[in-house]
PDB file of N, CA and C in Angstrom:
ATOM      1  N   MET A   1     -33.276  26.367 -10.533  1.00  0.00           N
ATOM      2  CA  MET A   1     -33.386  25.215 -10.496  1.00  0.00           C
ATOM      3  C   MET A   1     -31.760  24.497 -11.405  1.00  0.00           C
ATOM      4  N   ALA A   2     -31.904  25.412 -12.570  1.00  0.00           N
ATOM      5  CA  ALA A   2     -30.197  25.011 -13.008  1.00  0.00           C
ATOM      6  C   ALA A   2     -29.076  25.240 -12.316  1.00  0.00           C
ATOM      7  N   LYS A   3     -29.179  25.972 -11.056  1.00  0.00           N
ATOM      8  CA  LYS A   3     -28.135  25.929 -10.558  1.00  0.00           C
ATOM      9  C   LYS A   3     -27.967  24.263  -9.394  1.00  0.00           C
ATOM     10  N   VAL A   4     -29.205  24.004  -8.744  1.00  0.00           N
ATOM     11  CA  VAL A   4     -29.405  22.640  -8.606  1.00  0.00           C
ATOM     12  C   VAL A   4     -28.947  21.444  -9.054  1.00  0.00           C
ATOM     13  N   SER A   5     -29.624  21.835 -10.877  1.00  0.00           N
ATOM     14  CA  SER A   5     -29.103  20.612 -11.484  1.00  0.00           C
ATOM     15  C   SER A   5     -27.277  20.845 -11.563  1.00  0.00           C
ATOM     16  N   LEU A   6     -27.033  21.410 -11.816  1.00  0.00           N
ATOM     17  CA  LEU A   6     -25.448  21.731 -12.433  1.00  0.00           C
ATOM     18  C   LEU A   6     -24.669  21.062 -10.914  1.00  0.00           C
ATOM     19  N   LEU A   7     -25.430  21.745  -9.646  1.00  0.00           N
ATOM     20  CA  LEU A   7     -24.573  21.127  -8.714  1.00  0.00           C
ATOM     21  C   LEU A   7     -24.430  19.954  -8.417  1.00  0.00           C
ATOM     22  N   PHE A   8     -25.889  19.381  -8.594  1.00  0.00           N
ATOM     23  CA  PHE A   8     -25.805  17.455  -9.044  1.00  0.00           C
ATOM     24  C   PHE A   8     -25.316  17.154  -9.436  1.00  0.00           C
ATOM     25  N   PHE A   9     -25.038  17.381 -10.949  1.00  0.00           N
ATOM     26  CA  PHE A   9     -24.026  17.194 -12.031  1.00  0.00           C
ATOM     27  C   PHE A   9     -22.498  17.225 -11.363  1.00  0.00           C
ATOM     28  N   LEU A  10     -22.376  18.031 -11.239  1.00  0.00           N
ATOM     29  CA  LEU A  10     -20.613  18.460 -10.582  1.00  0.00           C
ATOM     30  C   LEU A  10     -20.387  17.081  -9.856  1.00  0.00           C
ATOM     31  N   LEU A  11     -21.709  17.223  -8.376  1.00  0.00           N
ATOM     32  CA  LEU A  11     -21.076  16.215  -7.506  1.00  0.00           C
ATOM     33  C   LEU A  11     -20.605  15.014  -7.966  1.00  0.00           C
ATOM     34  N   PHE A  12     -21.903  14.695  -9.014  1.00  0.00           N
ATOM     35  CA  PHE A  12     -21.718  12.998  -9.545  1.00  0.00           C
ATOM     36  C   PHE A  12     -20.464  13.281 -10.325  1.00  0.00           C
ATOM     37  N   LEU A  13     -20.160  13.919 -11.033  1.00  0.00           N
ATOM     38  CA  LEU A  13     -18.764  14.120 -12.206  1.00  0.00           C
ATOM     39  C   LEU A  13     -17.761  13.873 -11.102  1.00  0.00           C
ATOM     40  N   SER A  14     -17.687  14.738  -9.796  1.00  0.00           N
ATOM     41  CA  SER A  14     -16.837  14.373  -8.989  1.00  0.00           C
ATOM     42  C   SER A  14     -16.454  12.994  -8.212  1.00  0.00           C
ATOM     43  N   LEU A  15     -17.631  12.348  -8.011  1.00  0.00           N
ATOM     44  CA  LEU A  15     -18.067  11.174  -6.984  1.00  0.00           C
ATOM     45  C   LEU A  15     -17.475  10.113  -8.360  1.00  0.00           C
ATOM     46  N   THR A  16     -17.813   9.986  -9.536  1.00  0.00           N
ATOM     47  CA  THR A  16     -17.235   9.087 -10.748  1.00  0.00           C
ATOM     48  C   THR A  16     -16.283   9.463 -10.881  1.00  0.00           C
ATOM     49  N   SER A  17     -15.663  10.331 -10.683  1.00  0.00           N
ATOM     50  CA  SER A  17     -14.172  10.723 -11.548  1.00  0.00           C
ATOM     51  C   SER A  17     -12.879  10.370 -10.647  1.00  0.00           C
ATOM     52  N   GLY A  18     -13.536  10.116  -9.435  1.00  0.00           N
ATOM     53  CA  GLY A  18     -12.496   9.796  -8.492  1.00  0.00           C
ATOM     54  C   GLY A  18     -11.735  11.492  -7.973  1.00  0.00           C
ATOM     55  N   GLY A  19     -12.865  12.507  -8.064  1.00  0.00           N
ATOM     56  CA  GLY A  19     -12.739  13.968  -7.904  1.00  0.00           C
ATOM     57  C   GLY A  19     -12.046  14.309  -8.615  1.00  0.00           C
ATOM     58  N   ASN A  20     -11.413  14.096  -9.715  1.00  0.00           N
ATOM     59  CA  ASN A  20     -10.843  14.680 -10.598  1.00  0.00           C
ATOM     60  C   ASN A  20     -11.491  15.521 -11.585  1.00  0.00           C
ATOM     61  N   VAL A  21     -11.978  16.598 -11.401  1.00  0.00           N
ATOM     62  CA  VAL A  21     -12.563  17.348 -12.528  1.00  0.00           C
ATOM     63  C   VAL A  21     -12.130  18.437 -13.112  1.00  0.00           C
ATOM     64  N   ASN A  22     -11.331  17.785 -14.104  1.00  0.00           N
ATOM     65  CA  ASN A  22     -10.314  18.497 -15.107  1.00  0.00           C
ATOM     66  C   ASN A  22     -11.378  18.865 -16.355  1.00  0.00           C
ATOM     67  N   MET A  23     -12.067  18.191 -16.504  1.00  0.00           N
ATOM     68  CA  MET A  23     -12.630  19.125 -18.227  1.00  0.00           C
ATOM     69  C   MET A  23     -14.264  18.770 -17.598  1.00  0.00           C
ATOM     70  N   VAL A  24     -15.425  19.488 -17.736  1.00  0.00           N
ATOM     71  CA  VAL A  24     -16.484  19.313 -17.871  1.00  0.00           C
ATOM     72  C   VAL A  24     -17.327  19.147 -19.389  1.00  0.00           C
ATOM     73  N   ASN A  25     -17.866  18.201 -19.502  1.00  0.00           N
ATOM     74  CA  ASN A  25     -18.754  18.473 -20.929  1.00  0.00           C
ATOM     75  C   ASN A  25     -17.717  18.597 -21.818  1.00  0.00           C
ATOM     76  N   GLY A  26     -16.279  18.222 -21.492  1.00  0.00           N
ATOM     77  CA  GLY A  26     -15.298  18.135 -22.700  1.00  0.00           C
ATOM     78  C   GLY A  26     -14.762  19.819 -22.477  1.00  0.00           C
ATOM     79  N   GLN A  27     -15.210  20.448 -21.753  1.00  0.00           N
ATOM     80  CA  GLN A  27     -15.062  22.415 -21.585  1.00  0.00           C
ATOM     81  C   GLN A  27     -13.509  21.879 -20.485  1.00  0.00           C
ATOM     82  N   ASN A  28     -12.307  22.825 -20.839  1.00  0.00           N
ATOM     83  CA  ASN A  28     -11.410  22.924 -19.708  1.00  0.00           C
ATOM     84  C   ASN A  28     -11.935  23.528 -18.757  1.00  0.00           C
ATOM     85  N   THR A  29     -11.160  23.659 -17.667  1.00  0.00           N
ATOM     86  CA  THR A  29     -11.571  24.164 -16.332  1.00  0.00           C
ATOM     87  C   THR A  29     -10.420  25.273 -16.097  1.00  0.00           C
ATOM     88  N   TRP A  30     -10.349  26.540 -14.437  1.00  0.00           N
ATOM     89  CA  TRP A  30      -9.812  27.244 -14.271  1.00  0.00           C
ATOM     90  C   TRP A  30      -9.924  27.096 -12.999  1.00  0.00           C
ATOM     91  N   CYS A  31      -9.097  28.057 -12.240  1.00  0.00           N
ATOM     92  CA  CYS A  31      -9.428  28.362 -10.928  1.00  0.00           C
ATOM     93  C   CYS A  31      -9.156  29.394 -10.605  1.00  0.00           C
ATOM     94  N   VAL A  32     -10.289  30.210  -9.865  1.00  0.00           N
ATOM     95  CA  VAL A  32     -10.182  31.835  -9.959  1.00  0.00           C
ATOM     96  C   VAL A  32     -10.680  31.873  -8.196  1.00  0.00           C
ATOM     97  N   ALA A  33     -10.171  33.026  -7.622  1.00  0.00           N
ATOM     98  CA  ALA A  33     -10.700  33.213  -6.475  1.00  0.00           C
ATOM     99  C   ALA A  33     -12.271  33.588  -5.984  1.00  0.00           C
ATOM    100  N   LYS A  34     -12.735  32.982  -4.939  1.00  0.00           N
ATOM    101  CA  LYS A  34     -14.314  33.534  -4.529  1.00  0.00           C
ATOM    102  C   LYS A  34     -14.561  34.984  -4.835  1.00  0.00           C
ATOM    103  N   PRO A  35     -15.345  35.399  -5.080  1.00  0.00           N
ATOM    104  CA  PRO A  35     -15.438  37.088  -5.073  1.00  0.00           C
ATOM    105  C   PRO A  35     -15.620  37.384  -3.606  1.00  0.00           C
ATOM    106  N   SER A  36     -16.319  36.502  -2.860  1.00  0.00           N
ATOM    107  CA  SER A  36     -16.710  36.805  -1.533  1.00  0.00           C
ATOM    108  C   SER A  36     -15.231  36.759  -0.458  1.00  0.00           C
ATOM    109  N   SER A  37     -14.087  36.531  -1.218  1.00  0.00           N
ATOM    110  CA  SER A  37     -12.648  36.113  -0.277  1.00  0.00           C
ATOM    111  C   SER A  37     -12.175  37.469   0.573  1.00  0.00           C
ATOM    112  N   ASP A  38     -12.003  37.664   1.594  1.00  0.00           N
ATOM    113  CA  ASP A  38     -11.411  38.633   2.100  1.00  0.00           C
ATOM    114  C   ASP A  38      -9.963  39.079   1.880  1.00  0.00           C
ATOM    115  N   GLN A  39      -9.906  40.221   2.101  1.00  0.00           N
ATOM    116  CA  GLN A  39      -7.919  40.742   1.228  1.00  0.00           C
ATOM    117  C   GLN A  39      -6.966  39.882   2.114  1.00  0.00           C
ATOM    118  N   ALA A  40      -7.012  39.587   3.083  1.00  0.00           N
ATOM    119  CA  ALA A  40      -5.877  38.672   3.686  1.00  0.00           C
ATOM    120  C   ALA A  40      -5.808  37.340   2.919  1.00  0.00           C
ATOM    121  N   THR A  41      -6.866  36.357   2.857  1.00  0.00           N
ATOM    122  CA  THR A  41      -7.191  35.413   2.305  1.00  0.00           C
ATOM    123  C   THR A  41      -6.702  35.876   1.016  1.00  0.00           C
ATOM    124  N   LEU A  42      -7.255  36.416  -0.013  1.00  0.00           N
ATOM    125  CA  LEU A  42      -6.434  36.592  -1.108  1.00  0.00           C
ATOM    126  C   LEU A  42      -5.009  37.063  -1.244  1.00  0.00           C
ATOM    127  N   LEU A  43      -4.406  37.609  -0.108  1.00  0.00           N
ATOM    128  CA  LEU A  43      -3.058  37.838  -0.190  1.00  0.00           C
ATOM    129  C   LEU A  43      -2.220  36.551  -0.048  1.00  0.00           C
ATOM    130  N   SER A  44      -2.855  36.128   1.052  1.00  0.00           N
ATOM    131  CA  SER A  44      -2.553  34.726   1.319  1.00  0.00           C
ATOM    132  C   SER A  44      -2.474  33.821   0.245  1.00  0.00           C
ATOM    133  N   ASN A  45      -3.265  33.365  -0.859  1.00  0.00           N
ATOM    134  CA  ASN A  45      -3.382  32.620  -1.769  1.00  0.00           C
ATOM    135  C   ASN A  45      -2.313  33.266  -2.813  1.00  0.00           C
ATOM    136  N   LEU A  46      -2.305  34.915  -3.110  1.00  0.00           N
ATOM    137  CA  LEU A  46      -1.331  35.222  -4.130  1.00  0.00           C
ATOM    138  C   LEU A  46      -0.074  34.832  -3.912  1.00  0.00           C
ATOM    139  N   ASN A  47       0.343  34.593  -2.225  1.00  0.00           N
ATOM    140  CA  ASN A  47       1.764  34.639  -1.979  1.00  0.00           C
ATOM    141  C   ASN A  47       2.025  33.284  -1.706  1.00  0.00           C
ATOM    142  N   TYR A  48       1.229  32.577  -1.866  1.00  0.00           N
ATOM    143  CA  TYR A  48       1.463  30.663  -1.626  1.00  0.00           C
ATOM    144  C   TYR A  48       1.780  30.246  -2.742  1.00  0.00           C
ATOM    145  N   ALA A  49       0.553  30.768  -3.981  1.00  0.00           N
ATOM    146  CA  ALA A  49       0.917  30.400  -5.465  1.00  0.00           C
ATOM    147  C   ALA A  49       1.884  30.645  -5.900  1.00  0.00           C
ATOM    148  N   CYS A  50       2.477  31.915  -5.668  1.00  0.00           N
ATOM    149  CA  CYS A  50       3.168  32.809  -6.683  1.00  0.00           C
ATOM    150  C   CYS A  50       4.995  32.053  -5.782  1.00  0.00           C
ATOM    151  N   SER A  51       4.902  31.211  -4.507  1.00  0.00           N
ATOM    152  CA  SER A  51       6.061  30.806  -3.923  1.00  0.00           C
ATOM    153  C   SER A  51       5.989  28.962  -4.704  1.00  0.00           C
ATOM    154  N   GLN A  52       4.969  28.695  -4.959  1.00  0.00           N
ATOM    155  CA  GLN A  52       5.326  27.394  -5.691  1.00  0.00           C
ATOM    156  C   GLN A  52       5.325  27.267  -7.144  1.00  0.00           C
ATOM    157  N   VAL A  53       4.846  28.514  -8.022  1.00  0.00           N
ATOM    158  CA  VAL A  53       5.181  28.334  -9.651  1.00  0.00           C
ATOM    159  C   VAL A  53       5.210  29.807  -9.698  1.00  0.00           C
ATOM    160  N   ASP A  54       5.851  29.787 -11.055  1.00  0.00           N
ATOM    161  CA  ASP A  54       6.298  31.029 -11.856  1.00  0.00           C
ATOM    162  C   ASP A  54       5.123  31.991 -11.747  1.00  0.00           C
ATOM    163  N   CYS A  55       5.171  33.608 -11.250  1.00  0.00           N
ATOM    164  CA  CYS A  55       4.020  34.169 -11.217  1.00  0.00           C
ATOM    165  C   CYS A  55       4.546  35.341 -12.032  1.00  0.00           C
ATOM    166  N   LYS A  56       5.383  35.425 -12.943  1.00  0.00           N
ATOM    167  CA  LYS A  56       6.265  36.271 -13.844  1.00  0.00           C
ATOM    168  C   LYS A  56       4.915  37.000 -14.771  1.00  0.00           C
ATOM    169  N   ILE A  57       4.171  36.436 -15.264  1.00  0.00           N
ATOM    170  CA  ILE A  57       2.723  36.909 -15.647  1.00  0.00           C
ATOM    171  C   ILE A  57       2.284  37.894 -15.306  1.00  0.00           C
ATOM    172  N   LEU A  58       2.325  38.203 -13.873  1.00  0.00           N
ATOM    173  CA  LEU A  58       1.831  39.543 -13.076  1.00  0.00           C
ATOM    174  C   LEU A  58       2.773  40.903 -12.813  1.00  0.00           C
ATOM    175  N   GLU A  59       4.225  40.270 -13.281  1.00  0.00           N
ATOM    176  CA  GLU A  59       5.023  41.872 -13.362  1.00  0.00           C
ATOM    177  C   GLU A  59       4.394  42.691 -14.196  1.00  0.00           C
ATOM    178  N   LYS A  60       4.853  43.914 -13.370  1.00  0.00           N
ATOM    179  CA  LYS A  60       4.330  45.057 -14.446  1.00  0.00           C
ATOM    180  C   LYS A  60       4.647  45.357 -15.903  1.00  0.00           C
ATOM    181  N   GLY A  61       3.793  45.501 -16.589  1.00  0.00           N
ATOM    182  CA  GLY A  61       4.092  45.539 -18.239  1.00  0.00           C
ATOM    183  C   GLY A  61       4.180  44.085 -18.827  1.00  0.00           C
ATOM    184  N   CYS A  62       3.341  43.015 -17.906  1.00  0.00           N
ATOM    185  CA  CYS A  62       3.012  41.936 -18.535  1.00  0.00           C
ATOM    186  C   CYS A  62       1.462  42.015 -18.639  1.00  0.00           C
ATOM    187  N   PRO A  63       0.900  41.115 -19.552  1.00  0.00           N
ATOM    188  CA  PRO A  63      -0.422  41.189 -19.899  1.00  0.00           C
ATOM    189  C   PRO A  63      -1.071  41.151 -19.266  1.00  0.00           C
ATOM    190  N   CYS A  64      -0.928  40.356 -17.730  1.00  0.00           N
ATOM    191  CA  CYS A  64      -1.696  40.262 -16.693  1.00  0.00           C
ATOM    192  C   CYS A  64      -1.651  41.042 -15.418  1.00  0.00           C
ATOM    193  N   SER A  65      -0.747  41.873 -15.593  1.00  0.00           N
ATOM    194  CA  SER A  65      -0.417  43.072 -14.540  1.00  0.00           C
ATOM    195  C   SER A  65      -1.825  43.990 -14.338  1.00  0.00           C
ATOM    196  N   SER A  66      -2.480  44.226 -15.402  1.00  0.00           N
ATOM    197  CA  SER A  66      -3.519  45.043 -14.983  1.00  0.00           C
ATOM    198  C   SER A  66      -5.249  44.322 -15.451  1.00  0.00           C
ATOM    199  N   PRO A  67      -5.870  44.639 -14.490  1.00  0.00           N
ATOM    200  CA  PRO A  67      -6.267  45.491 -13.370  1.00  0.00           C
ATOM    201  C   PRO A  67      -5.050  45.128 -12.663  1.00  0.00           C
ATOM    202  N   ASP A  68      -4.632  46.186 -11.672  1.00  0.00           N
ATOM    203  CA  ASP A  68      -3.984  45.442 -10.703  1.00  0.00           C
ATOM    204  C   ASP A  68      -4.545  45.603  -9.374  1.00  0.00           C
ATOM    205  N   ASN A  69      -5.727  45.032  -9.041  1.00  0.00           N
ATOM    206  CA  ASN A  69      -5.837  44.567  -7.997  1.00  0.00           C
ATOM    207  C   ASN A  69      -5.639  43.555  -7.382  1.00  0.00           C
ATOM    208  N   LEU A  70      -6.256  42.984  -6.404  1.00  0.00           N
ATOM    209  CA  LEU A  70      -5.829  42.022  -5.148  1.00  0.00           C
ATOM    210  C   LEU A  70      -6.563  40.817  -5.689  1.00  0.00           C
ATOM    211  N   ILE A  71      -7.834  40.700  -6.216  1.00  0.00           N
ATOM    212  CA  ILE A  71      -8.681  39.817  -6.475  1.00  0.00           C
ATOM    213  C   ILE A  71      -8.279  38.839  -8.036  1.00  0.00           C
ATOM    214  N   ASN A  72      -8.005  39.994  -8.583  1.00  0.00           N
ATOM    215  CA  ASN A  72      -7.398  39.377 -10.091  1.00  0.00           C
ATOM    216  C   ASN A  72      -5.991  38.851  -9.971  1.00  0.00           C
ATOM    217  N   ARG A  73      -5.303  39.556  -9.156  1.00  0.00           N
ATOM    218  CA  ARG A  73      -3.967  39.111  -9.452  1.00  0.00           C
ATOM    219  C   ARG A  73      -3.978  37.765  -8.299  1.00  0.00           C
ATOM    220  N   ALA A  74      -4.688  37.604  -7.577  1.00  0.00           N
ATOM    221  CA  ALA A  74      -4.991  36.286  -6.488  1.00  0.00           C
ATOM    222  C   ALA A  74      -5.427  34.940  -7.672  1.00  0.00           C
ATOM    223  N   SER A  75      -6.270  35.274  -8.163  1.00  0.00           N
ATOM    224  CA  SER A  75      -6.921  34.491  -9.237  1.00  0.00           C
ATOM    225  C   SER A  75      -6.310  33.998 -10.365  1.00  0.00           C
ATOM    226  N   ILE A  76      -5.123  34.536 -10.707  1.00  0.00           N
ATOM    227  CA  ILE A  76      -4.335  34.578 -11.457  1.00  0.00           C
ATOM    228  C   ILE A  76      -3.199  33.962 -11.306  1.00  0.00           C
ATOM    229  N   ALA A  77      -2.584  33.886 -10.073  1.00  0.00           N
ATOM    230  CA  ALA A  77      -1.969  33.074  -9.228  1.00  0.00           C
ATOM    231  C   ALA A  77      -2.447  31.742  -9.019  1.00  0.00           C
ATOM    232  N   MET A  78      -3.536  31.642  -8.276  1.00  0.00           N
ATOM    233  CA  MET A  78      -4.564  30.438  -8.096  1.00  0.00           C
ATOM    234  C   MET A  78      -4.426  29.562  -9.093  1.00  0.00           C
ATOM    235  N   ASN A  79      -4.597  30.250 -10.785  1.00  0.00           N
ATOM    236  CA  ASN A  79      -5.098  29.281 -11.610  1.00  0.00           C
ATOM    237  C   ASN A  79      -3.444  28.926 -12.265  1.00  0.00           C
ATOM    238  N   LEU A  80      -2.546  29.672 -11.845  1.00  0.00           N
ATOM    239  CA  LEU A  80      -1.347  29.140 -12.101  1.00  0.00           C
ATOM    240  C   LEU A  80      -0.945  27.937 -11.535  1.00  0.00           C
ATOM    241  N   TYR A  81      -1.178  27.644 -10.080  1.00  0.00           N
ATOM    242  CA  TYR A  81      -1.077  27.054  -8.845  1.00  0.00           C
ATOM    243  C   TYR A  81      -1.704  25.753  -9.745  1.00  0.00           C
ATOM    244  N   TYR A  82      -3.157  25.819  -9.840  1.00  0.00           N
ATOM    245  CA  TYR A  82      -4.264  24.831 -10.109  1.00  0.00           C
ATOM    246  C   TYR A  82      -3.564  23.946 -11.335  1.00  0.00           C
ATOM    247  N   GLN A  83      -3.235  24.587 -12.529  1.00  0.00           N
ATOM    248  CA  GLN A  83      -2.969  24.303 -13.617  1.00  0.00           C
ATOM    249  C   GLN A  83      -1.794  23.433 -13.951  1.00  0.00           C
ATOM    250  N   CYS A  84      -0.530  23.968 -12.833  1.00  0.00           N
ATOM    251  CA  CYS A  84       0.855  22.994 -12.663  1.00  0.00           C
ATOM    252  C   CYS A  84       0.542  22.142 -11.700  1.00  0.00           C
ATOM    253  N   ARG A  85      -0.246  22.205 -11.299  1.00  0.00           N
ATOM    254  CA  ARG A  85      -0.325  20.776 -10.219  1.00  0.00           C
ATOM    255  C   ARG A  85      -1.344  19.723 -10.516  1.00  0.00           C
ATOM    256  N   GLY A  86      -1.907  19.790 -12.018  1.00  0.00           N
ATOM    257  CA  GLY A  86      -2.484  18.963 -12.413  1.00  0.00           C
ATOM    258  C   GLY A  86      -4.338  19.126 -12.487  1.00  0.00           C
ATOM    259  N   LYS A  87      -4.619  20.509 -12.296  1.00  0.00           N
ATOM    260  CA  LYS A  87      -6.186  20.411 -12.377  1.00  0.00           C
ATOM    261  C   LYS A  87      -6.639  19.723 -11.543  1.00  0.00           C
ATOM    262  N   ASN A  88      -6.493  19.154 -10.366  1.00  0.00           N
ATOM    263  CA  ASN A  88      -7.347  18.520  -9.437  1.00  0.00           C
ATOM    264  C   ASN A  88      -8.205  19.445  -8.648  1.00  0.00           C
ATOM    265  N   HIS A  89      -9.420  18.864  -8.234  1.00  0.00           N
ATOM    266  CA  HIS A  89      -9.902  20.009  -7.516  1.00  0.00           C
ATOM    267  C   HIS A  89      -9.662  20.545  -6.424  1.00  0.00           C
ATOM    268  N   TRP A  90      -8.972  19.682  -5.344  1.00  0.00           N
ATOM    269  CA  TRP A  90      -8.291  20.095  -4.308  1.00  0.00           C
ATOM    270  C   TRP A  90      -7.101  21.155  -4.485  1.00  0.00           C
ATOM    271  N   ASN A  91      -6.599  21.058  -5.717  1.00  0.00           N
ATOM    272  CA  ASN A  91      -5.161  21.974  -6.014  1.00  0.00           C
ATOM    273  C   ASN A  91      -6.103  23.454  -6.308  1.00  0.00           C
ATOM    274  N   CYS A  92      -7.412  23.623  -6.294  1.00  0.00           N
ATOM    275  CA  CYS A  92      -8.165  25.053  -6.373  1.00  0.00           C
ATOM    276  C   CYS A  92      -8.966  25.492  -5.007  1.00  0.00           C
ATOM    277  N   ASP A  93      -8.798  24.499  -3.979  1.00  0.00           N
ATOM    278  CA  ASP A  93      -9.169  24.549  -2.451  1.00  0.00           C
ATOM    279  C   ASP A  93      -9.040  26.136  -1.992  1.00  0.00           C
ATOM    280  N   PHE A  94      -7.630  26.007  -1.914  1.00  0.00           N
ATOM    281  CA  PHE A  94      -6.869  27.312  -1.266  1.00  0.00           C
ATOM    282  C   PHE A  94      -8.114  27.764   0.166  1.00  0.00           C
ATOM    283  N   ARG A  95      -7.735  26.649   0.926  1.00  0.00           N
ATOM    284  CA  ARG A  95      -8.922  26.763   2.189  1.00  0.00           C
ATOM    285  C   ARG A  95     -10.266  27.102   2.393  1.00  0.00           C
ATOM    286  N   GLY A  96     -11.082  26.616   1.171  1.00  0.00           N
ATOM    287  CA  GLY A  96     -12.606  27.121   0.767  1.00  0.00           C
ATOM    288  C   GLY A  96     -12.579  28.518  -0.083  1.00  0.00           C
ATOM    289  N   SER A  97     -11.309  29.103  -0.619  1.00  0.00           N
ATOM    290  CA  SER A  97     -12.062  30.352  -1.653  1.00  0.00           C
ATOM    291  C   SER A  97     -11.340  30.642  -2.517  1.00  0.00           C
ATOM    292  N   GLY A  98     -11.258  29.215  -3.061  1.00  0.00           N
ATOM    293  CA  GLY A  98     -11.030  28.908  -4.416  1.00  0.00           C
ATOM    294  C   GLY A  98     -12.280  28.338  -5.265  1.00  0.00           C
ATOM    295  N   LEU A  99     -12.420  28.639  -6.575  1.00  0.00           N
ATOM    296  CA  LEU A  99     -13.857  28.252  -7.077  1.00  0.00           C
ATOM    297  C   LEU A  99     -12.979  27.950  -8.671  1.00  0.00           C
ATOM    298  N   VAL A 100     -13.669  26.555  -8.762  1.00  0.00           N
ATOM    299  CA  VAL A 100     -12.888  26.006 -10.392  1.00  0.00           C
ATOM    300  C   VAL A 100     -14.419  26.572 -11.350  1.00  0.00           C
ATOM    301  N   VAL A 101     -14.135  26.920 -12.405  1.00  0.00           N
ATOM    302  CA  VAL A 101     -15.056  27.325 -13.273  1.00  0.00           C
ATOM    303  C   VAL A 101     -14.866  26.919 -14.391  1.00  0.00           C
ATOM    304  N   VAL A 102     -15.877  26.689 -15.244  1.00  0.00           N
ATOM    305  CA  VAL A 102     -15.608  26.483 -16.479  1.00  0.00           C
ATOM    306  C   VAL A 102     -15.672  27.233 -17.727  1.00  0.00           C
ATOM    307  N   THR A 103     -15.859  28.820 -17.110  1.00  0.00           N
ATOM    308  CA  THR A 103     -16.198  29.511 -18.069  1.00  0.00           C
ATOM    309  C   THR A 103     -14.493  30.494 -18.216  1.00  0.00           C
ATOM    310  N   ASN A 104     -13.709  30.522 -19.004  1.00  0.00           N
ATOM    311  CA  ASN A 104     -12.557  31.044 -19.451  1.00  0.00           C
ATOM    312  C   ASN A 104     -12.244  32.554 -18.772  1.00  0.00           C
ATOM    313  N   PRO A 105     -11.656  32.645 -18.036  1.00  0.00           N
ATOM    314  CA  PRO A 105     -11.660  33.986 -17.301  1.00  0.00           C
ATOM    315  C   PRO A 105     -10.475  34.837 -17.776  1.00  0.00           C
ATOM    316  N   SER A 106     -10.083  34.133 -19.122  1.00  0.00           N
ATOM    317  CA  SER A 106      -8.899  35.321 -19.606  1.00  0.00           C
ATOM    318  C   SER A 106      -9.615  36.678 -20.441  1.00  0.00           C
ATOM    319  N   TYR A 107      -9.113  37.738 -20.313  1.00  0.00           N
ATOM    320  CA  TYR A 107      -9.236  39.121 -20.762  1.00  0.00           C
ATOM    321  C   TYR A 107      -8.306  39.688 -21.511  1.00  0.00           C
ATOM    322  N   GLY A 108      -8.813  40.721 -22.495  1.00  0.00           N
ATOM    323  CA  GLY A 108      -7.553  41.048 -23.296  1.00  0.00           C
ATOM    324  C   GLY A 108      -6.421  40.333 -23.819  1.00  0.00           C
ATOM    325  N   ASN A 109      -5.327  40.617 -23.520  1.00  0.00           N
ATOM    326  CA  ASN A 109      -4.345  40.061 -23.683  1.00  0.00           C
ATOM    327  C   ASN A 109      -3.552  39.139 -22.821  1.00  0.00           C
ATOM    328  N   CYS A 110      -4.422  38.772 -21.450  1.00  0.00           N
ATOM    329  CA  CYS A 110      -4.169  37.955 -20.224  1.00  0.00           C
ATOM    330  C   CYS A 110      -5.231  36.633 -20.443  1.00  0.00           C
ATOM    331  N   ILE A 111      -4.144  35.932 -21.091  1.00  0.00           N
ATOM    332  CA  ILE A 111      -4.683  34.058 -21.312  1.00  0.00           C
ATOM    333  C   ILE A 111      -4.500  33.407 -20.093  1.00  0.00           C
ATOM    334  N   TYR A 112      -5.435  33.096 -19.839  1.00  0.00           N
ATOM    335  CA  TYR A 112      -5.599  31.947 -18.436  1.00  0.00           C
ATOM    336  C   TYR A 112      -5.281  30.688 -19.237  1.00  0.00           C
ATOM    337  N   ALA A 113      -4.095  29.770 -18.473  1.00  0.00           N
ATOM    338  CA  ALA A 113      -3.822  28.725 -19.497  1.00  0.00           C
ATOM    339  C   ALA A 113      -4.823  27.354 -19.226  1.00  0.00           C
TER     340      ALA A 113
END
């Protein structure tokens, strides 16, 4: 029941804010890859996002270079793109494979902006 209430709240917020869900209840938002995304989609998202924004944070030896798996790398790149493009929900769509979250996905020294 809580998921349904949250869904209705997010839908209401989206409709009343003109579709711009930068903050939910005063919380920041981030963009991550949906866990159900296939490898080809993740790779496409990673390549596209990094062609548009600076993805140096993913280079070997940088804080976000580990774990070195595709969903992690794609999520970081997708979030960089989302943040740089104004945090509009459509900047996290990635053909339906992106997910706007309110829980900070940062880990260790890898800080999601």
